[in-house]
Amino acid sequence: MKKGCPYGTHRVIEPKGVLPQPALKIDNTMELYDNEILIDVQTLNVDSASFTQIKQEANGDTQKIKEIMKNIVETRGKHQNPVTGSGGMLIGIVEKIGSALEGKTDLKVGDKIATLVSLSLTPLRIDEIVEVRKNIDQVDIKGKAILFESGIYAVIPSDLPENLALSVLDVAGAPAQAAKLPKPGDTVLVIGGAGKSGMLCLYEARKKVGENGKVICLGYSQSSLERAKTANLADIYLSADATNAVEVMEKIKEVTDGEMADVTINCVNVPNTEMTSILSTKDDGLVYFFSMATSFTKAALGAEGVGKDTTMIIGNGYTKGHAEVALQIMRESEELRKIYEELYA
């Protein structure tokens, strides 16, 4: 077997010298390097921002969605949406392990895993798209993928349905940060709180802030807010358009007596919500942009423009222990598990 770089730079075709994620094109031939893992792919869980954009471009037509996805992979060697720049993750079965990884990984051939690295850097070949589940951003395929030596993963747990585990693991970085960033007694605002990642964040944030803290769920539709209410995830539920920064700011000012949020977590899947997050947060507060629709330029220059000394964190899909945090929520909360099984499994 040929020797490969731990970070997959040996797969980069264009431009040379960059890592696989920012690369425009990578090698998706399935000849294994010595430090790679070959996966027989079953399901792609496309990230929400990307799949929303693809559905809009296809006008909801399933055949067109298939064509767009296959074209992305054929062009780039990976599923990286050229508009959002994001990908998603996959579930599949370990088919082969490179010789350099023998004795260095706990994986074995036949294990079913979810990759916890983005499809935007994962060499992928789609032979056939079998089914598109538009309502949960999942696509069943026949194909292969490569996991690099540095790639993180989770073995699918036996006590949770596969599609449920995949949906939860896809957004595992968000609730883990919601458990880490707030302090007891904080006011936490989750924008897009009634969505897939948002509800998990509400659950963890409420545990962290305790009885003296306050958790605010901002959602677009009343129906989604009612769903979050059934699991008793927040102290306050607000319906508003997250792209209307001033409207949301006024609502947050009202429910916090002008104090605003200590921590704001942005989980929406549409653009132009940067200023909503910033204006809803205290001057010395913290904004965590988990949304892949976030524009760094709009956030940075927007905060400067309104004179906000707000700490802003770019969402990192990985933090230590994130997979177990997300899966444990499904074990702890019967109400949330029921909601996620109905929506995503």
Protein backbone atom coordinates (compact mmCIF):
# COMPACT_ATOMS: atom_id res chain seq x y z
CA MET A 1 0.00 0.00 0.00
CA LYS A 2 1.11 3.57 -0.68
CA LYS A 3 1.89 5.76 2.32
CA GLY A 4 -0.47 8.59 3.08
CA CYS A 5 -0.52 11.80 5.17
CA PRO A 6 -2.51 11.54 8.43
CA TYR A 7 -4.60 14.54 7.34
CA GLY A 8 -5.29 13.29 3.83
CA THR A 9 -3.22 15.79 1.86
CA HIS A 10 -2.13 12.96 -0.46
CA ARG A 11 -5.70 12.97 -1.82
CA VAL A 12 -5.72 16.66 -2.77
CA ILE A 13 -5.77 17.28 -6.53
CA GLU A 14 -6.51 21.01 -6.68
CA PRO A 15 -5.05 23.28 -5.45
CA LYS A 16 -1.90 21.58 -4.25
CA GLY A 17 -0.67 22.42 -0.77
CA VAL A 18 -4.04 22.68 0.96
CA LEU A 19 -5.91 20.26 3.20
CA PRO A 20 -8.83 18.18 1.88
CA GLN A 21 -11.58 20.41 3.31
CA PRO A 22 -10.70 23.67 1.52
CA ALA A 23 -9.54 21.81 -1.60
CA LEU A 24 -11.61 22.28 -4.74
CA LYS A 25 -11.08 18.68 -5.82
CA ILE A 26 -9.79 15.54 -4.12
CA ASP A 27 -9.02 12.02 -5.33
CA ASN A 28 -12.02 9.75 -4.67
CA THR A 29 -10.61 6.59 -6.21
CA MET A 30 -11.00 3.82 -3.67
CA GLU A 31 -7.51 2.37 -3.86
CA LEU A 32 -6.53 2.35 -0.18
CA TYR A 33 -3.47 4.10 1.22
CA ASP A 34 -1.76 2.47 4.20
CA ASN A 35 -3.29 4.84 6.78
CA GLU A 36 -6.87 4.94 5.49
CA ILE A 37 -10.09 3.09 6.25
CA LEU A 38 -12.43 2.04 3.43
CA ILE A 39 -16.13 2.32 4.23
CA ASP A 40 -19.08 0.74 2.44
CA VAL A 41 -21.51 3.65 2.70
CA GLN A 42 -25.20 3.19 3.51
CA THR A 43 -26.50 6.65 4.36
CA LEU A 44 -25.42 10.25 3.97
CA ASN A 45 -26.72 12.74 6.52
CA VAL A 46 -26.34 16.04 4.67
CA ASP A 47 -25.96 19.06 6.94
CA SER A 48 -29.07 21.19 7.28
CA ALA A 49 -27.77 24.36 5.63
CA SER A 50 -26.50 22.40 2.63
CA PHE A 51 -29.58 20.25 2.16
CA THR A 52 -31.89 23.25 2.51
CA GLN A 53 -29.98 24.98 -0.29
CA ILE A 54 -30.03 21.86 -2.49
CA LYS A 55 -33.78 21.42 -2.01
CA GLN A 56 -34.35 25.06 -2.93
CA GLU A 57 -32.19 24.77 -6.04
CA ALA A 58 -34.09 21.61 -7.05
CA ASN A 59 -37.50 23.13 -6.22
CA GLY A 60 -38.06 20.08 -4.03
CA ASP A 61 -37.83 17.64 -6.95
CA THR A 62 -36.30 14.36 -5.76
CA GLN A 63 -34.71 13.47 -9.09
CA LYS A 64 -33.13 16.90 -9.34
CA ILE A 65 -31.77 16.57 -5.78
CA LYS A 66 -30.11 13.30 -6.82
CA GLU A 67 -28.59 14.97 -9.89
CA ILE A 68 -27.22 17.90 -7.88
CA MET A 69 -25.67 15.63 -5.25
CA LYS A 70 -24.07 13.30 -7.79
CA ASN A 71 -22.70 16.27 -9.72
CA ILE A 72 -21.13 17.70 -6.57
CA VAL A 73 -19.32 14.41 -5.88
CA GLU A 74 -18.29 13.90 -9.50
CA THR A 75 -16.89 17.44 -9.65
CA ARG A 76 -15.19 17.61 -6.26
CA GLY A 77 -14.56 14.00 -5.23
CA LYS A 78 -16.45 14.75 -2.00
CA HIS A 79 -19.88 16.04 -1.02
CA GLN A 80 -19.08 19.67 -0.41
CA ASN A 81 -21.89 22.03 -1.34
CA PRO A 82 -20.29 24.75 -3.49
CA VAL A 83 -22.77 27.33 -2.16
CA THR A 84 -22.59 26.65 1.60
CA GLY A 85 -19.16 24.99 1.63
CA SER A 86 -20.48 22.39 4.07
CA GLY A 87 -21.08 18.66 3.88
CA GLY A 88 -22.57 16.41 6.53
CA MET A 89 -21.57 12.93 7.65
CA LEU A 90 -22.18 9.29 6.82
CA ILE A 91 -22.95 5.88 8.22
CA GLY A 92 -21.43 2.72 6.78
CA ILE A 93 -19.60 -0.52 7.40
CA VAL A 94 -15.82 -0.82 7.69
CA GLU A 95 -14.71 -2.78 4.63
CA LYS A 96 -10.92 -2.57 4.83
CA ILE A 97 -8.28 -1.10 7.14
CA GLY A 98 -4.90 0.14 5.91
CA SER A 99 -1.79 -1.76 6.98
CA ALA A 100 -0.29 1.18 8.93
CA LEU A 101 -3.36 1.31 11.18
CA GLU A 102 -3.16 -2.31 12.29
CA GLY A 103 -2.96 -2.33 16.07
CA LYS A 104 -3.53 1.45 16.19
CA THR A 105 -7.32 1.47 15.88
CA ASP A 106 -10.06 -0.26 17.82
CA LEU A 107 -12.04 -0.69 14.60
CA LYS A 108 -12.37 -4.01 12.84
CA VAL A 109 -13.79 -5.03 9.48
CA GLY A 110 -17.56 -5.30 9.74
CA ASP A 111 -18.04 -2.55 12.34
CA LYS A 112 -20.86 -0.12 11.59
CA ILE A 113 -19.74 3.44 12.20
CA ALA A 114 -20.77 7.04 11.78
CA THR A 115 -17.98 9.32 10.62
CA LEU A 116 -17.72 12.43 12.75
CA VAL A 117 -15.75 14.39 10.17
CA SER A 118 -17.43 16.41 7.46
CA LEU A 119 -18.36 15.06 4.05
CA SER A 120 -16.74 18.27 2.79
CA LEU A 121 -13.34 16.61 3.28
CA THR A 122 -14.25 12.91 2.89
CA PRO A 123 -13.34 11.13 -0.37
CA LEU A 124 -16.68 9.76 -1.58
CA ARG A 125 -17.94 7.77 -4.54
CA ILE A 126 -21.68 7.51 -5.20
CA ASP A 127 -22.63 4.56 -7.38
CA GLU A 128 -26.38 4.94 -6.87
CA ILE A 129 -28.73 7.10 -4.83
CA VAL A 130 -31.35 4.69 -3.53
CA GLU A 131 -33.63 6.94 -1.49
CA VAL A 132 -33.91 10.62 -0.58
CA ARG A 133 -35.60 11.45 2.74
CA LYS A 134 -36.14 15.17 2.26
CA ASN A 135 -37.75 15.76 5.63
CA ILE A 136 -34.72 14.55 7.62
CA ASP A 137 -31.81 15.47 5.28
CA GLN A 138 -30.81 11.83 4.79
CA VAL A 139 -29.94 10.04 1.56
CA ASP A 140 -29.42 6.28 1.23
CA ILE A 141 -26.77 5.39 -1.32
CA LYS A 142 -24.63 2.63 -2.72
CA GLY A 143 -21.06 3.82 -2.63
CA LYS A 144 -17.71 3.97 -0.88
CA ALA A 145 -15.84 6.48 1.26
CA ILE A 146 -12.43 6.95 2.82
CA LEU A 147 -11.75 7.85 6.45
CA PHE A 148 -8.33 9.39 7.02
CA GLU A 149 -6.05 8.39 9.89
CA SER A 150 -6.95 11.65 11.68
CA GLY A 151 -10.67 11.15 11.10
CA ILE A 152 -12.92 10.71 14.13
CA TYR A 153 -15.87 8.32 14.24
CA ALA A 154 -18.37 6.64 16.52
CA VAL A 155 -19.41 3.01 16.47
CA ILE A 156 -23.19 2.91 16.13
CA PRO A 157 -24.66 2.05 19.56
CA SER A 158 -26.83 -1.02 19.85
CA ASP A 159 -29.44 0.62 22.08
CA LEU A 160 -30.51 3.34 19.59
CA PRO A 161 -32.02 3.11 16.09
CA GLU A 162 -29.39 3.74 13.41
CA ASN A 163 -31.10 6.70 11.75
CA LEU A 164 -31.72 8.28 15.14
CA ALA A 165 -28.07 7.89 16.12
CA LEU A 166 -26.95 9.31 12.78
CA SER A 167 -29.22 12.35 13.08
CA VAL A 168 -28.03 13.08 16.60
CA LEU A 169 -24.35 12.50 15.88
CA ASP A 170 -24.56 14.84 12.89
CA VAL A 171 -25.05 17.78 15.28
CA ALA A 172 -23.12 16.40 18.26
CA GLY A 173 -20.78 19.39 18.40
CA ALA A 174 -23.62 21.75 19.31
CA PRO A 175 -25.00 20.24 22.54
CA ALA A 176 -21.47 19.50 23.78
CA GLN A 177 -20.66 23.21 23.45
CA ALA A 178 -23.97 24.11 25.09
CA ALA A 179 -22.85 22.01 28.05
CA LYS A 180 -19.42 23.68 28.11
CA LEU A 181 -19.87 27.39 27.38
CA PRO A 182 -22.59 28.68 29.78
CA LYS A 183 -22.07 29.13 33.51
CA PRO A 184 -24.57 28.41 36.29
CA GLY A 185 -27.02 31.30 36.50
CA ASP A 186 -26.48 32.47 32.91
CA THR A 187 -29.19 33.49 30.47
CA VAL A 188 -28.81 31.40 27.32
CA LEU A 189 -30.57 32.13 24.02
CA VAL A 190 -30.77 29.37 21.41
CA ILE A 191 -31.70 30.72 17.97
CA GLY A 192 -33.30 27.92 16.00
CA GLY A 193 -33.98 26.26 19.34
CA ALA A 194 -36.84 24.13 18.04
CA GLY A 195 -34.67 22.47 15.37
CA LYS A 196 -32.56 19.32 15.41
CA SER A 197 -29.42 20.78 16.97
CA GLY A 198 -31.31 23.50 18.83
CA MET A 199 -33.38 21.21 21.03
CA LEU A 200 -30.28 19.29 22.09
CA CYS A 201 -28.62 22.60 22.98
CA LEU A 202 -31.61 23.69 25.03
CA TYR A 203 -31.49 20.43 26.98
CA GLU A 204 -27.79 20.73 27.83
CA ALA A 205 -27.92 24.48 28.49
CA ARG A 206 -30.75 24.08 30.97
CA LYS A 207 -28.79 21.44 32.86
CA LYS A 208 -25.78 23.75 32.98
CA VAL A 209 -27.39 27.07 34.02
CA GLY A 210 -29.45 25.48 36.78
CA GLU A 211 -32.41 26.89 38.69
CA ASN A 212 -31.00 30.42 38.81
CA GLY A 213 -30.38 30.56 35.08
CA LYS A 214 -32.72 31.18 32.17
CA VAL A 215 -32.97 29.43 28.79
CA ILE A 216 -34.75 31.10 25.87
CA CYS A 217 -35.88 29.17 22.81
CA LEU A 218 -36.31 31.26 19.65
CA GLY A 219 -38.12 29.50 16.81
CA TYR A 220 -39.83 30.53 13.60
CA SER A 221 -43.10 28.61 13.74
CA GLN A 222 -45.52 28.09 16.59
CA SER A 223 -45.80 24.41 15.74
CA SER A 224 -42.08 23.84 16.24
CA LEU A 225 -42.14 25.81 19.47
CA GLU A 226 -45.03 23.70 20.74
CA ARG A 227 -42.97 20.61 20.02
CA ALA A 228 -40.10 21.96 22.12
CA LYS A 229 -42.55 22.85 24.89
CA THR A 230 -43.72 19.24 25.16
CA ALA A 231 -40.20 18.30 26.26
CA ASN A 232 -40.02 21.29 28.67
CA LEU A 233 -36.71 22.39 27.19
CA ALA A 234 -36.74 26.13 27.95
CA ASP A 235 -38.05 28.77 30.33
CA ILE A 236 -39.19 31.15 27.60
CA TYR A 237 -40.39 30.42 24.05
CA LEU A 238 -40.38 33.16 21.41
CA SER A 239 -41.60 33.10 17.82
CA ALA A 240 -39.74 35.42 15.44
CA ASP A 241 -37.91 35.65 12.12
CA ALA A 242 -34.25 35.14 12.97
CA THR A 243 -33.21 37.28 10.00
CA ASN A 244 -34.94 40.32 11.56
CA ALA A 245 -32.26 41.44 13.97
CA VAL A 246 -34.06 44.43 15.48
CA GLU A 247 -37.32 42.55 16.08
CA VAL A 248 -35.54 39.74 17.87
CA MET A 249 -33.37 42.16 19.85
CA GLU A 250 -36.46 43.93 21.17
CA LYS A 251 -38.05 40.65 22.19
CA ILE A 252 -34.92 39.52 24.02
CA LYS A 253 -34.64 42.92 25.70
CA GLU A 254 -38.21 42.57 26.94
CA VAL A 255 -37.89 39.07 28.41
CA THR A 256 -34.49 39.78 30.02
CA ASP A 257 -35.41 43.23 31.43
CA GLY A 258 -32.82 44.77 29.17
CA GLU A 259 -29.98 42.51 30.34
CA MET A 260 -29.81 40.47 27.10
CA ALA A 261 -28.27 36.99 26.84
CA ASP A 262 -24.98 35.94 28.41
CA VAL A 263 -24.57 33.19 25.80
CA THR A 264 -26.26 32.95 22.41
CA ILE A 265 -26.11 29.75 20.37
CA ASN A 266 -27.06 30.08 16.71
CA CYS A 267 -28.43 26.83 15.21
CA VAL A 268 -30.42 28.10 12.23
CA ASN A 269 -29.95 26.81 8.68
CA VAL A 270 -30.53 30.06 6.79
CA PRO A 271 -28.17 33.01 6.14
CA ASN A 272 -28.33 36.55 7.52
CA THR A 273 -28.83 35.80 11.21
CA GLU A 274 -25.43 37.06 12.38
CA MET A 275 -26.62 40.45 13.64
CA THR A 276 -29.61 38.88 15.38
CA SER A 277 -27.19 36.82 17.44
CA ILE A 278 -24.91 39.75 18.19
CA LEU A 279 -27.60 42.28 19.12
CA SER A 280 -29.35 39.78 21.39
CA THR A 281 -26.18 39.22 23.41
CA LYS A 282 -24.63 41.30 26.18
CA ASP A 283 -21.76 43.55 25.21
CA ASP A 284 -19.30 41.25 26.99
CA GLY A 285 -21.27 38.11 26.23
CA LEU A 286 -20.52 35.15 23.97
CA VAL A 287 -22.00 34.05 20.65
CA TYR A 288 -21.49 30.52 19.38
CA PHE A 289 -22.21 30.20 15.66
CA PHE A 290 -22.97 26.53 15.10
CA SER A 291 -24.88 27.35 11.91
CA MET A 292 -23.02 26.53 8.69
CA ALA A 293 -24.93 29.38 7.05
CA THR A 294 -22.93 31.90 9.08
CA SER A 295 -20.80 34.50 7.29
CA PHE A 296 -17.64 35.32 9.24
CA THR A 297 -17.41 38.63 7.37
CA LYS A 298 -20.96 39.68 8.29
CA ALA A 299 -20.45 38.68 11.91
CA ALA A 300 -17.08 40.39 12.35
CA LEU A 301 -17.86 43.61 10.50
CA GLY A 302 -21.40 43.70 11.83
CA ALA A 303 -20.26 43.56 15.46
CA GLU A 304 -17.73 46.27 14.74
CA GLY A 305 -20.41 48.39 13.10
CA VAL A 306 -22.68 48.41 16.15
CA GLY A 307 -19.84 48.72 18.64
CA LYS A 308 -20.31 45.32 20.27
CA ASP A 309 -17.38 43.83 22.19
CA THR A 310 -18.85 40.34 21.93
CA THR A 311 -16.78 37.18 21.93
CA MET A 312 -17.72 35.14 18.86
CA ILE A 313 -16.88 31.47 18.40
CA ILE A 314 -17.00 29.70 15.06
CA GLY A 315 -18.85 26.42 15.44
CA ASN A 316 -16.52 23.47 15.67
CA GLY A 317 -18.24 20.19 14.88
CA TYR A 318 -15.84 18.48 17.25
CA THR A 319 -15.21 18.85 20.95
CA LYS A 320 -13.96 16.15 23.29
CA GLY A 321 -16.68 13.68 24.24
CA HIS A 322 -19.25 15.25 21.91
CA ALA A 323 -20.61 12.00 20.51
CA GLU A 324 -21.35 10.54 23.92
CA VAL A 325 -22.94 13.80 25.12
CA ALA A 326 -25.39 13.79 22.21
CA LEU A 327 -26.24 10.09 22.43
CA GLN A 328 -26.68 10.30 26.20
CA ILE A 329 -29.42 12.91 25.76
CA MET A 330 -31.44 10.31 23.88
CA ARG A 331 -31.00 7.94 26.82
CA GLU A 332 -31.80 10.53 29.48
CA SER A 333 -34.82 12.28 28.01
CA GLU A 334 -37.77 10.10 27.07
CA GLU A 335 -39.63 13.13 25.70
CA LEU A 336 -36.78 14.22 23.42
CA ARG A 337 -36.11 10.71 22.21
CA LYS A 338 -39.77 10.37 21.23
CA ILE A 339 -39.64 13.65 19.30
CA TYR A 340 -36.42 12.70 17.50
CA GLU A 341 -37.67 9.23 16.63
CA GLU A 342 -40.81 10.75 15.10
CA LEU A 343 -38.91 13.44 13.18
CA TYR A 344 -35.59 11.87 12.26
CA ALA A 345 -35.70 8.10 12.60
